């Protein structure tokens, strides 16, 4: 009876973590797009999100609500390159949303597995399965077809989206190679990411000229309830997204997080055609997005199959060794 209850509790936690991440991730794309339509200073927005995260975790630790560790210089040095790539990815993604519609943004972000495969090949990693290779090629073909049919094509937006793919790939490769995040909880990783990014982001908003214009615009819009509501919502959801992403990975696996991300992308692409505007429907564009989505789903299935085969192969090797 106790064993059954524990299993049910574990299954419920796993399902809740996956659903929470999927909902938070889908909502965040639309919230960021909505706020950037009124407040185009994406770098300043990211600075606010990271500052809110760092302050929340700091005060929660002081009041005993979380067991997050205090800042350790050795850990900070180890996580600094990871944090920079992580925040460069988010900053580029936010900047791209200013000019790229949501369906195309999601399609371009699905190029990340292709970039990871290329990075793995260049670093001498083992060859992926045929299904994985074909699925990422299909995803890339879908992006090209969709881009040709995108009447709202925005070169700076596309450039920033592709830059985001590059930084996300570098982040994933660096984490895998260095093991920099090993031994840290999701709260610890969130805190270091936000804390270490602040000097870098403050330098950028000054160097790019966003500050003090961004502050002046913020003060000018401070009497608008709808703007303040979306701004606060973006800060809260930024924290929620990071937490649910790390929680889903810890409770389930990185593969589950990837699959949830792909399924979320299907829903976001569909909603993106009817919410917040910016999409001029064209047959070629829609065809490309369908191809891209099919490639993303196929990639998730291929990785799932690959994950399932590995334990079986290990068991067979053990049985062979016993004989």
C-alpha atoms as a PDB file:
ATOM      1  CA  UNK A   1       0.000   0.000   0.000  1.00  0.00           C
ATOM      2  CA  UNK A   2       2.787   2.400   0.966  1.00  0.00           C
ATOM      3  CA  UNK A   3       4.774   1.421  -2.124  1.00  0.00           C
ATOM      4  CA  UNK A   4       1.747   2.093  -4.349  1.00  0.00           C
ATOM      5  CA  UNK A   5       1.203   5.509  -2.736  1.00  0.00           C
ATOM      6  CA  UNK A   6       4.880   6.416  -3.223  1.00  0.00           C
ATOM      7  CA  UNK A   7       4.707   5.400  -6.890  1.00  0.00           C
ATOM      8  CA  UNK A   8       1.533   7.436  -7.409  1.00  0.00           C
ATOM      9  CA  UNK A   9       3.148  10.423  -5.688  1.00  0.00           C
ATOM     10  CA  UNK A  10       6.258  10.134  -7.830  1.00  0.00           C
ATOM     11  CA  UNK A  11       4.200   9.854 -11.042  1.00  0.00           C
ATOM     12  CA  UNK A  12       2.113  12.860 -10.038  1.00  0.00           C
ATOM     13  CA  UNK A  13       5.255  14.918  -9.345  1.00  0.00           C
ATOM     14  CA  UNK A  14       6.791  13.936 -12.701  1.00  0.00           C
ATOM     15  CA  UNK A  15       3.594  14.785 -14.592  1.00  0.00           C
ATOM     16  CA  UNK A  16       3.142  18.063 -12.682  1.00  0.00           C
ATOM     17  CA  UNK A  17       6.740  19.127 -13.385  1.00  0.00           C
ATOM     18  CA  UNK A  18       6.370  18.403 -17.123  1.00  0.00           C
ATOM     19  CA  UNK A  19       2.994  20.171 -17.388  1.00  0.00           C
ATOM     20  CA  UNK A  20       4.224  23.173 -15.373  1.00  0.00           C
ATOM     21  CA  UNK A  21       7.248  23.588 -17.640  1.00  0.00           C
ATOM     22  CA  UNK A  22       5.142  23.228 -20.804  1.00  0.00           C
ATOM     23  CA  UNK A  23       2.585  25.825 -19.661  1.00  0.00           C
ATOM     24  CA  UNK A  24       5.220  28.284 -18.359  1.00  0.00           C
ATOM     25  CA  UNK A  25       7.331  27.948 -21.520  1.00  0.00           C
ATOM     26  CA  UNK A  26       4.367  28.467 -23.851  1.00  0.00           C
ATOM     27  CA  UNK A  27       3.042  31.429 -21.847  1.00  0.00           C
ATOM     28  CA  UNK A  28       6.465  33.105 -21.648  1.00  0.00           C
ATOM     29  CA  UNK A  29       6.849  33.411 -25.444  1.00  0.00           C
ATOM     30  CA  UNK A  30       3.547  35.289 -25.733  1.00  0.00           C
ATOM     31  CA  UNK A  31       4.150  37.422 -22.615  1.00  0.00           C
ATOM     32  CA  UNK A  32       7.597  38.478 -23.876  1.00  0.00           C
ATOM     33  CA  UNK A  33       6.170  39.262 -27.319  1.00  0.00           C
ATOM     34  CA  UNK A  34       3.366  41.322 -25.722  1.00  0.00           C
ATOM     35  CA  UNK A  35       5.715  43.368 -23.510  1.00  0.00           C
ATOM     36  CA  UNK A  36       8.210  43.948 -26.344  1.00  0.00           C
ATOM     37  CA  UNK A  37       5.429  45.350 -28.531  1.00  0.00           C
ATOM     38  CA  UNK A  38       5.098  48.154 -25.941  1.00  0.00           C
ATOM     39  CA  UNK A  39       8.625  48.242 -24.503  1.00  0.00           C
ATOM     40  CA  UNK A  40      11.278  47.466 -27.125  1.00  0.00           C
ATOM     41  CA  UNK A  41      14.296  47.594 -24.772  1.00  0.00           C
ATOM     42  CA  UNK A  42      14.851  43.827 -24.562  1.00  0.00           C
ATOM     43  CA  UNK A  43      18.222  44.033 -22.775  1.00  0.00           C
ATOM     44  CA  UNK A  44      16.746  46.167 -19.994  1.00  0.00           C
ATOM     45  CA  UNK A  45      13.806  43.763 -19.701  1.00  0.00           C
ATOM     46  CA  UNK A  46      16.196  40.821 -19.258  1.00  0.00           C
ATOM     47  CA  UNK A  47      18.142  42.811 -16.631  1.00  0.00           C
ATOM     48  CA  UNK A  48      14.923  43.362 -14.663  1.00  0.00           C
ATOM     49  CA  UNK A  49      14.044  39.649 -14.924  1.00  0.00           C
ATOM     50  CA  UNK A  50      17.461  38.545 -13.677  1.00  0.00           C
ATOM     51  CA  UNK A  51      17.520  41.157 -10.895  1.00  0.00           C
ATOM     52  CA  UNK A  52      14.074  40.020  -9.714  1.00  0.00           C
ATOM     53  CA  UNK A  53      15.259  36.379  -9.706  1.00  0.00           C
ATOM     54  CA  UNK A  54      18.445  37.138  -7.741  1.00  0.00           C
ATOM     55  CA  UNK A  55      16.621  39.278  -5.141  1.00  0.00           C
ATOM     56  CA  UNK A  56      13.800  36.756  -4.680  1.00  0.00           C
ATOM     57  CA  UNK A  57      16.175  33.834  -4.066  1.00  0.00           C
ATOM     58  CA  UNK A  58      18.460  35.962  -1.827  1.00  0.00           C
ATOM     59  CA  UNK A  59      15.628  37.070   0.483  1.00  0.00           C
ATOM     60  CA  UNK A  60      14.012  33.606   0.425  1.00  0.00           C
ATOM     61  CA  UNK A  61      17.344  32.149   1.604  1.00  0.00           C
ATOM     62  CA  UNK A  62      17.694  34.808   4.323  1.00  0.00           C
ATOM     63  CA  UNK A  63      14.178  34.050   5.621  1.00  0.00           C
ATOM     64  CA  UNK A  64      14.753  30.291   5.509  1.00  0.00           C
ATOM     65  CA  UNK A  65      12.296  29.498   2.699  1.00  0.00           C
ATOM     66  CA  UNK A  66      14.989  27.871   0.562  1.00  0.00           C
ATOM     67  CA  UNK A  67      18.244  26.000   1.194  1.00  0.00           C
ATOM     68  CA  UNK A  68      20.069  27.774  -1.620  1.00  0.00           C
ATOM     69  CA  UNK A  69      23.774  28.124  -0.885  1.00  0.00           C
ATOM     70  CA  UNK A  70      25.507  31.454  -0.310  1.00  0.00           C
ATOM     71  CA  UNK A  71      27.763  32.783  -3.072  1.00  0.00           C
ATOM     72  CA  UNK A  72      30.974  30.781  -3.369  1.00  0.00           C
ATOM     73  CA  UNK A  73      33.828  32.306  -5.407  1.00  0.00           C
ATOM     74  CA  UNK A  74      35.074  28.947  -6.734  1.00  0.00           C
ATOM     75  CA  UNK A  75      31.575  27.961  -7.889  1.00  0.00           C
ATOM     76  CA  UNK A  76      31.014  31.427  -9.367  1.00  0.00           C
ATOM     77  CA  UNK A  77      34.213  31.179 -11.441  1.00  0.00           C
ATOM     78  CA  UNK A  78      33.186  27.726 -12.658  1.00  0.00           C
ATOM     79  CA  UNK A  79      29.720  28.914 -13.682  1.00  0.00           C
ATOM     80  CA  UNK A  80      30.685  32.280 -15.189  1.00  0.00           C
ATOM     81  CA  UNK A  81      31.193  31.097 -18.835  1.00  0.00           C
ATOM     82  CA  UNK A  82      28.008  28.980 -18.622  1.00  0.00           C
ATOM     83  CA  UNK A  83      26.048  31.958 -17.250  1.00  0.00           C
ATOM     84  CA  UNK A  84      27.305  34.282 -19.996  1.00  0.00           C
ATOM     85  CA  UNK A  85      26.258  31.896 -22.785  1.00  0.00           C
ATOM     86  CA  UNK A  86      22.896  31.256 -21.089  1.00  0.00           C
ATOM     87  CA  UNK A  87      22.107  34.962 -20.807  1.00  0.00           C
ATOM     88  CA  UNK A  88      23.430  35.739 -24.302  1.00  0.00           C
ATOM     89  CA  UNK A  89      20.963  33.110 -25.571  1.00  0.00           C
ATOM     90  CA  UNK A  90      18.027  34.694 -23.703  1.00  0.00           C
ATOM     91  CA  UNK A  91      19.041  38.245 -24.699  1.00  0.00           C
ATOM     92  CA  UNK A  92      19.258  37.267 -28.396  1.00  0.00           C
ATOM     93  CA  UNK A  93      15.915  35.446 -28.199  1.00  0.00           C
ATOM     94  CA  UNK A  94      14.198  38.504 -26.689  1.00  0.00           C
ATOM     95  CA  UNK A  95      15.748  40.786 -29.317  1.00  0.00           C
ATOM     96  CA  UNK A  96      14.554  38.497 -32.128  1.00  0.00           C
ATOM     97  CA  UNK A  97      10.948  38.578 -30.854  1.00  0.00           C
ATOM     98  CA  UNK A  98      10.834  42.305 -31.609  1.00  0.00           C
ATOM     99  CA  UNK A  99      10.897  41.595 -35.344  1.00  0.00           C
ATOM    100  CA  UNK A 100      10.010  37.916 -35.851  1.00  0.00           C
ATOM    101  CA  UNK A 101       6.491  36.511 -35.496  1.00  0.00           C
ATOM    102  CA  UNK A 102       5.999  33.707 -32.953  1.00  0.00           C
ATOM    103  CA  UNK A 103       5.577  30.748 -35.394  1.00  0.00           C
ATOM    104  CA  UNK A 104       8.808  31.644 -37.223  1.00  0.00           C
ATOM    105  CA  UNK A 105      10.658  32.292 -33.956  1.00  0.00           C
ATOM    106  CA  UNK A 106       9.763  28.795 -32.708  1.00  0.00           C
ATOM    107  CA  UNK A 107      10.706  27.260 -36.078  1.00  0.00           C
ATOM    108  CA  UNK A 108      14.169  28.874 -36.007  1.00  0.00           C
ATOM    109  CA  UNK A 109      14.747  27.816 -32.384  1.00  0.00           C
ATOM    110  CA  UNK A 110      14.122  24.212 -33.461  1.00  0.00           C
ATOM    111  CA  UNK A 111      17.458  24.421 -35.320  1.00  0.00           C
ATOM    112  CA  UNK A 112      19.247  24.002 -31.970  1.00  0.00           C
ATOM    113  CA  UNK A 113      19.483  20.162 -32.229  1.00  0.00           C
ATOM    114  CA  UNK A 114      21.103  20.551 -35.687  1.00  0.00           C
ATOM    115  CA  UNK A 115      23.621  23.014 -34.262  1.00  0.00           C
ATOM    116  CA  UNK A 116      24.333  20.670 -31.333  1.00  0.00           C
ATOM    117  CA  UNK A 117      24.918  17.765 -33.767  1.00  0.00           C
ATOM    118  CA  UNK A 118      27.374  19.863 -35.811  1.00  0.00           C
ATOM    119  CA  UNK A 119      29.181  20.963 -32.630  1.00  0.00           C
ATOM    120  CA  UNK A 120      29.349  17.332 -31.485  1.00  0.00           C
ATOM    121  CA  UNK A 121      30.761  16.227 -34.851  1.00  0.00           C
ATOM    122  CA  UNK A 122      33.435  18.952 -34.775  1.00  0.00           C
ATOM    123  CA  UNK A 123      34.414  17.983 -31.213  1.00  0.00           C
ATOM    124  CA  UNK A 124      34.764  14.290 -32.124  1.00  0.00           C
ATOM    125  CA  UNK A 125      31.577  13.032 -30.489  1.00  0.00           C
ATOM    126  CA  UNK A 126      30.030   9.755 -31.674  1.00  0.00           C
ATOM    127  CA  UNK A 127      27.842   9.702 -34.784  1.00  0.00           C
ATOM    128  CA  UNK A 128      24.090  10.101 -34.034  1.00  0.00           C
ATOM    129  CA  UNK A 129      21.480   7.665 -35.351  1.00  0.00           C
ATOM    130  CA  UNK A 130      20.145   7.984 -38.902  1.00  0.00           C
ATOM    131  CA  UNK A 131      16.692   8.974 -37.594  1.00  0.00           C
ATOM    132  CA  UNK A 132      18.178  11.833 -35.544  1.00  0.00           C
ATOM    133  CA  UNK A 133      20.187  13.110 -38.545  1.00  0.00           C
ATOM    134  CA  UNK A 134      17.206  12.954 -40.924  1.00  0.00           C
ATOM    135  CA  UNK A 135      14.851  14.611 -38.422  1.00  0.00           C
ATOM    136  CA  UNK A 136      17.114  17.624 -37.855  1.00  0.00           C
ATOM    137  CA  UNK A 137      17.648  17.980 -41.628  1.00  0.00           C
ATOM    138  CA  UNK A 138      13.850  17.950 -42.085  1.00  0.00           C
ATOM    139  CA  UNK A 139      13.556  20.628 -39.395  1.00  0.00           C
ATOM    140  CA  UNK A 140      16.132  22.811 -41.182  1.00  0.00           C
ATOM    141  CA  UNK A 141      14.394  22.348 -44.570  1.00  0.00           C
ATOM    142  CA  UNK A 142      11.139  23.428 -42.923  1.00  0.00           C
ATOM    143  CA  UNK A 143      12.744  26.657 -41.685  1.00  0.00           C
ATOM    144  CA  UNK A 144      14.082  27.492 -45.175  1.00  0.00           C
ATOM    145  CA  UNK A 145      10.707  26.845 -46.847  1.00  0.00           C
ATOM    146  CA  UNK A 146       8.849  28.830 -44.167  1.00  0.00           C
ATOM    147  CA  UNK A 147      11.309  31.744 -44.432  1.00  0.00           C
ATOM    148  CA  UNK A 148      10.837  31.940 -48.229  1.00  0.00           C
ATOM    149  CA  UNK A 149       7.077  32.270 -47.662  1.00  0.00           C
ATOM    150  CA  UNK A 150       7.397  34.737 -44.765  1.00  0.00           C
ATOM    151  CA  UNK A 151       6.089  38.078 -46.104  1.00  0.00           C
ATOM    152  CA  UNK A 152       6.958  39.762 -42.800  1.00  0.00           C
ATOM    153  CA  UNK A 153      10.629  38.718 -43.141  1.00  0.00           C
ATOM    154  CA  UNK A 154      12.788  40.787 -40.765  1.00  0.00           C
ATOM    155  CA  UNK A 155      16.549  40.337 -41.311  1.00  0.00           C
ATOM    156  CA  UNK A 156      17.679  41.701 -37.888  1.00  0.00           C
ATOM    157  CA  UNK A 157      15.058  39.520 -36.180  1.00  0.00           C
ATOM    158  CA  UNK A 158      16.140  36.385 -38.066  1.00  0.00           C
ATOM    159  CA  UNK A 159      19.802  37.198 -37.333  1.00  0.00           C
ATOM    160  CA  UNK A 160      19.131  37.509 -33.600  1.00  0.00           C
ATOM    161  CA  UNK A 161      17.102  34.269 -33.565  1.00  0.00           C
ATOM    162  CA  UNK A 162      19.985  32.399 -35.262  1.00  0.00           C
ATOM    163  CA  UNK A 163      22.427  34.040 -32.827  1.00  0.00           C
ATOM    164  CA  UNK A 164      20.238  32.727 -29.996  1.00  0.00           C
ATOM    165  CA  UNK A 165      20.512  29.208 -31.472  1.00  0.00           C
ATOM    166  CA  UNK A 166      24.318  29.569 -31.519  1.00  0.00           C
ATOM    167  CA  UNK A 167      24.520  30.715 -27.884  1.00  0.00           C
ATOM    168  CA  UNK A 168      22.082  28.032 -26.720  1.00  0.00           C
ATOM    169  CA  UNK A 169      24.205  25.410 -28.461  1.00  0.00           C
ATOM    170  CA  UNK A 170      27.372  26.743 -26.822  1.00  0.00           C
ATOM    171  CA  UNK A 171      25.617  26.703 -23.440  1.00  0.00           C
ATOM    172  CA  UNK A 172      24.476  23.073 -23.840  1.00  0.00           C
ATOM    173  CA  UNK A 173      27.887  21.890 -25.122  1.00  0.00           C
ATOM    174  CA  UNK A 174      29.756  23.731 -22.345  1.00  0.00           C
ATOM    175  CA  UNK A 175      27.521  22.316 -19.604  1.00  0.00           C
ATOM    176  CA  UNK A 176      27.957  18.788 -20.989  1.00  0.00           C
ATOM    177  CA  UNK A 177      31.729  19.094 -21.425  1.00  0.00           C
ATOM    178  CA  UNK A 178      32.556  20.861 -18.161  1.00  0.00           C
ATOM    179  CA  UNK A 179      29.926  19.414 -15.837  1.00  0.00           C
ATOM    180  CA  UNK A 180      29.828  22.919 -14.354  1.00  0.00           C
ATOM    181  CA  UNK A 181      26.301  22.504 -12.944  1.00  0.00           C
ATOM    182  CA  UNK A 182      26.927  19.158 -11.202  1.00  0.00           C
ATOM    183  CA  UNK A 183      26.143  19.080  -7.493  1.00  0.00           C
ATOM    184  CA  UNK A 184      23.978  22.207  -7.627  1.00  0.00           C
ATOM    185  CA  UNK A 185      20.214  22.400  -7.114  1.00  0.00           C
ATOM    186  CA  UNK A 186      17.896  24.124  -9.584  1.00  0.00           C
ATOM    187  CA  UNK A 187      17.597  27.083  -7.190  1.00  0.00           C
ATOM    188  CA  UNK A 188      21.403  27.380  -6.944  1.00  0.00           C
ATOM    189  CA  UNK A 189      21.782  27.377 -10.737  1.00  0.00           C
ATOM    190  CA  UNK A 190      19.036  29.997 -11.092  1.00  0.00           C
ATOM    191  CA  UNK A 191      20.704  32.233  -8.489  1.00  0.00           C
ATOM    192  CA  UNK A 192      24.206  32.021  -9.991  1.00  0.00           C
ATOM    193  CA  UNK A 193      22.865  32.558 -13.522  1.00  0.00           C
ATOM    194  CA  UNK A 194      21.014  35.706 -12.505  1.00  0.00           C
ATOM    195  CA  UNK A 195      23.665  37.034 -10.093  1.00  0.00           C
ATOM    196  CA  UNK A 196      26.608  36.562 -12.481  1.00  0.00           C
ATOM    197  CA  UNK A 197      24.715  38.033 -15.427  1.00  0.00           C
ATOM    198  CA  UNK A 198      23.935  41.394 -13.805  1.00  0.00           C
ATOM    199  CA  UNK A 199      27.337  43.141 -14.329  1.00  0.00           C
ATOM    200  CA  UNK A 200      27.424  41.879 -17.940  1.00  0.00           C
ATOM    201  CA  UNK A 201      23.849  43.055 -18.642  1.00  0.00           C
ATOM    202  CA  UNK A 202      24.376  46.454 -16.970  1.00  0.00           C
ATOM    203  CA  UNK A 203      27.439  47.003 -19.159  1.00  0.00           C
ATOM    204  CA  UNK A 204      25.453  46.071 -22.288  1.00  0.00           C
ATOM    205  CA  UNK A 205      22.467  48.357 -21.642  1.00  0.00           C
ATOM    206  CA  UNK A 206      24.867  51.281 -21.126  1.00  0.00           C
ATOM    207  CA  UNK A 207      27.168  50.397 -24.053  1.00  0.00           C
ATOM    208  CA  UNK A 208      24.255  49.907 -26.496  1.00  0.00           C
ATOM    209  CA  UNK A 209      22.589  53.166 -25.420  1.00  0.00           C
ATOM    210  CA  UNK A 210      19.443  51.506 -24.007  1.00  0.00           C
ATOM    211  CA  UNK A 211      20.074  53.284 -20.717  1.00  0.00           C
ATOM    212  CA  UNK A 212      18.906  55.927 -19.823  1.00  0.00           C
ATOM    213  CA  UNK A 213      16.293  55.869 -22.664  1.00  0.00           C
ATOM    214  CA  UNK A 214      14.822  52.598 -21.357  1.00  0.00           C
ATOM    215  CA  UNK A 215      14.380  54.090 -17.878  1.00  0.00           C
ATOM    216  CA  UNK A 216      12.758  57.234 -19.304  1.00  0.00           C
ATOM    217  CA  UNK A 217      10.288  55.121 -21.307  1.00  0.00           C
ATOM    218  CA  UNK A 218       9.550  52.979 -18.257  1.00  0.00           C
ATOM    219  CA  UNK A 219       8.713  56.083 -16.198  1.00  0.00           C
ATOM    220  CA  UNK A 220       6.566  57.461 -19.027  1.00  0.00           C
ATOM    221  CA  UNK A 221       4.553  54.220 -19.159  1.00  0.00           C
ATOM    222  CA  UNK A 222       4.324  53.788 -15.373  1.00  0.00           C
ATOM    223  CA  UNK A 223       0.807  55.285 -15.306  1.00  0.00           C
ATOM    224  CA  UNK A 224      -0.512  52.560 -17.625  1.00  0.00           C
ATOM    225  CA  UNK A 225      -2.015  49.705 -15.592  1.00  0.00           C
ATOM    226  CA  UNK A 226      -2.026  47.279 -18.542  1.00  0.00           C
ATOM    227  CA  UNK A 227       1.690  47.896 -19.223  1.00  0.00           C
ATOM    228  CA  UNK A 228       2.666  47.478 -15.544  1.00  0.00           C
ATOM    229  CA  UNK A 229       0.583  44.298 -15.327  1.00  0.00           C
ATOM    230  CA  UNK A 230       2.340  42.718 -18.338  1.00  0.00           C
ATOM    231  CA  UNK A 231       5.743  43.884 -17.048  1.00  0.00           C
ATOM    232  CA  UNK A 232       5.215  42.333 -13.595  1.00  0.00           C
ATOM    233  CA  UNK A 233       3.792  39.200 -15.233  1.00  0.00           C
ATOM    234  CA  UNK A 234       6.915  38.888 -17.416  1.00  0.00           C
ATOM    235  CA  UNK A 235       9.159  39.146 -14.327  1.00  0.00           C
ATOM    236  CA  UNK A 236       7.151  36.512 -12.432  1.00  0.00           C
ATOM    237  CA  UNK A 237       6.917  34.165 -15.426  1.00  0.00           C
ATOM    238  CA  UNK A 238      10.650  34.557 -16.119  1.00  0.00           C
ATOM    239  CA  UNK A 239      11.339  33.151 -12.650  1.00  0.00           C
ATOM    240  CA  UNK A 240       8.652  30.464 -13.048  1.00  0.00           C
ATOM    241  CA  UNK A 241      10.022  29.337 -16.431  1.00  0.00           C
ATOM    242  CA  UNK A 242      13.588  28.898 -15.173  1.00  0.00           C
ATOM    243  CA  UNK A 243      12.418  27.031 -12.070  1.00  0.00           C
ATOM    244  CA  UNK A 244      10.024  24.679 -13.897  1.00  0.00           C
ATOM    245  CA  UNK A 245      12.637  23.956 -16.593  1.00  0.00           C
ATOM    246  CA  UNK A 246      15.251  22.899 -14.040  1.00  0.00           C
ATOM    247  CA  UNK A 247      12.614  21.036 -11.975  1.00  0.00           C
ATOM    248  CA  UNK A 248      11.393  19.084 -15.020  1.00  0.00           C
ATOM    249  CA  UNK A 249      14.981  18.111 -15.879  1.00  0.00           C
ATOM    250  CA  UNK A 250      15.748  16.989 -12.303  1.00  0.00           C
ATOM    251  CA  UNK A 251      12.460  15.145 -11.609  1.00  0.00           C
ATOM    252  CA  UNK A 252      12.223  13.587 -15.085  1.00  0.00           C
ATOM    253  CA  UNK A 253      15.195  13.959 -17.456  1.00  0.00           C
ATOM    254  CA  UNK A 254      16.737  16.312 -20.000  1.00  0.00           C
ATOM    255  CA  UNK A 255      15.046  14.213 -22.706  1.00  0.00           C
ATOM    256  CA  UNK A 256      11.593  14.765 -21.160  1.00  0.00           C
ATOM    257  CA  UNK A 257      12.283  18.506 -21.018  1.00  0.00           C
ATOM    258  CA  UNK A 258      13.242  18.457 -24.717  1.00  0.00           C
ATOM    259  CA  UNK A 259      10.086  16.534 -25.715  1.00  0.00           C
ATOM    260  CA  UNK A 260       7.851  18.841 -23.647  1.00  0.00           C
ATOM    261  CA  UNK A 261       9.565  21.783 -25.367  1.00  0.00           C
ATOM    262  CA  UNK A 262       8.746  20.358 -28.821  1.00  0.00           C
ATOM    263  CA  UNK A 263       5.102  19.644 -27.912  1.00  0.00           C
ATOM    264  CA  UNK A 264       4.838  23.141 -26.431  1.00  0.00           C
ATOM    265  CA  UNK A 265       6.198  24.481 -29.711  1.00  0.00           C
ATOM    266  CA  UNK A 266       3.379  22.804 -31.648  1.00  0.00           C
ATOM    267  CA  UNK A 267       0.793  24.572 -29.486  1.00  0.00           C
ATOM    268  CA  UNK A 268       2.648  27.902 -29.572  1.00  0.00           C
ATOM    269  CA  UNK A 269       2.976  27.774 -33.372  1.00  0.00           C
ATOM    270  CA  UNK A 270      -0.769  27.195 -33.747  1.00  0.00           C
ATOM    271  CA  UNK A 271      -1.710  29.969 -31.287  1.00  0.00           C
ATOM    272  CA  UNK A 272       0.903  32.269 -32.828  1.00  0.00           C
ATOM    273  CA  UNK A 273      -1.170  32.537 -36.011  1.00  0.00           C
ATOM    274  CA  UNK A 274      -4.123  34.061 -34.131  1.00  0.00           C
ATOM    275  CA  UNK A 275      -2.578  35.869 -31.130  1.00  0.00           C
ATOM    276  CA  UNK A 276      -0.636  39.181 -31.124  1.00  0.00           C
ATOM    277  CA  UNK A 277      -0.677  39.502 -34.943  1.00  0.00           C
ATOM    278  CA  UNK A 278       2.400  39.843 -37.161  1.00  0.00           C
ATOM    279  CA  UNK A 279       1.681  36.712 -39.220  1.00  0.00           C
ATOM    280  CA  UNK A 280       0.747  37.026 -42.892  1.00  0.00           C
ATOM    281  CA  UNK A 281      -0.578  33.594 -43.818  1.00  0.00           C
ATOM    282  CA  UNK A 282       0.932  32.180 -47.017  1.00  0.00           C
ATOM    283  CA  UNK A 283       0.814  28.606 -48.310  1.00  0.00           C
ATOM    284  CA  UNK A 284       4.607  28.286 -48.517  1.00  0.00           C
ATOM    285  CA  UNK A 285       5.063  29.664 -44.999  1.00  0.00           C
ATOM    286  CA  UNK A 286       2.485  27.285 -43.509  1.00  0.00           C
ATOM    287  CA  UNK A 287       3.945  24.310 -45.414  1.00  0.00           C
ATOM    288  CA  UNK A 288       7.422  25.116 -44.091  1.00  0.00           C
ATOM    289  CA  UNK A 289       6.141  25.391 -40.501  1.00  0.00           C
ATOM    290  CA  UNK A 290       4.347  22.018 -40.830  1.00  0.00           C
ATOM    291  CA  UNK A 291       7.563  20.401 -42.150  1.00  0.00           C
ATOM    292  CA  UNK A 292       9.562  22.052 -39.351  1.00  0.00           C
ATOM    293  CA  UNK A 293       7.113  20.865 -36.667  1.00  0.00           C
ATOM    294  CA  UNK A 294       7.105  17.321 -38.104  1.00  0.00           C
ATOM    295  CA  UNK A 295      10.909  17.325 -37.943  1.00  0.00           C
ATOM    296  CA  UNK A 296      10.799  18.460 -34.308  1.00  0.00           C
ATOM    297  CA  UNK A 297       8.338  15.719 -33.314  1.00  0.00           C
ATOM    298  CA  UNK A 298      10.370  13.108 -35.246  1.00  0.00           C
ATOM    299  CA  UNK A 299      13.556  14.268 -33.490  1.00  0.00           C
ATOM    300  CA  UNK A 300      11.897  13.838 -30.077  1.00  0.00           C
ATOM    301  CA  UNK A 301      10.684  10.343 -31.040  1.00  0.00           C
ATOM    302  CA  UNK A 302      14.140   9.372 -32.344  1.00  0.00           C
ATOM    303  CA  UNK A 303      15.827  10.552 -29.116  1.00  0.00           C
ATOM    304  CA  UNK A 304      13.219   8.689 -27.045  1.00  0.00           C
ATOM    305  CA  UNK A 305      13.864   5.477 -28.983  1.00  0.00           C
ATOM    306  CA  UNK A 306      17.628   5.984 -28.583  1.00  0.00           C
ATOM    307  CA  UNK A 307      17.188   6.412 -24.823  1.00  0.00           C
ATOM    308  CA  UNK A 308      15.048   3.260 -24.615  1.00  0.00           C
ATOM    309  CA  UNK A 309      17.585   1.116 -26.517  1.00  0.00           C
ATOM    310  CA  UNK A 310      20.567   2.087 -24.307  1.00  0.00           C
ATOM    311  CA  UNK A 311      19.387   0.348 -21.092  1.00  0.00           C
ATOM    312  CA  UNK A 312      18.500  -2.782 -23.120  1.00  0.00           C
ATOM    313  CA  UNK A 313      22.006  -2.854 -24.634  1.00  0.00           C
ATOM    314  CA  UNK A 314      23.574  -2.456 -21.173  1.00  0.00           C
ATOM    315  CA  UNK A 315      21.491  -5.373 -19.835  1.00  0.00           C
ATOM    316  CA  UNK A 316      22.491  -7.571 -22.797  1.00  0.00           C
ATOM    317  CA  UNK A 317      26.160  -6.728 -22.239  1.00  0.00           C
ATOM    318  CA  UNK A 318      25.831  -7.673 -18.549  1.00  0.00           C
ATOM    319  CA  UNK A 319      24.104 -10.963 -19.370  1.00  0.00           C
ATOM    320  CA  UNK A 320      26.801 -11.757 -21.941  1.00  0.00           C
ATOM    321  CA  UNK A 321      29.507 -10.975 -19.388  1.00  0.00           C
ATOM    322  CA  UNK A 322      27.894 -13.313 -16.809  1.00  0.00           C
ATOM    323  CA  UNK A 323      27.886 -16.184 -19.293  1.00  0.00           C
END
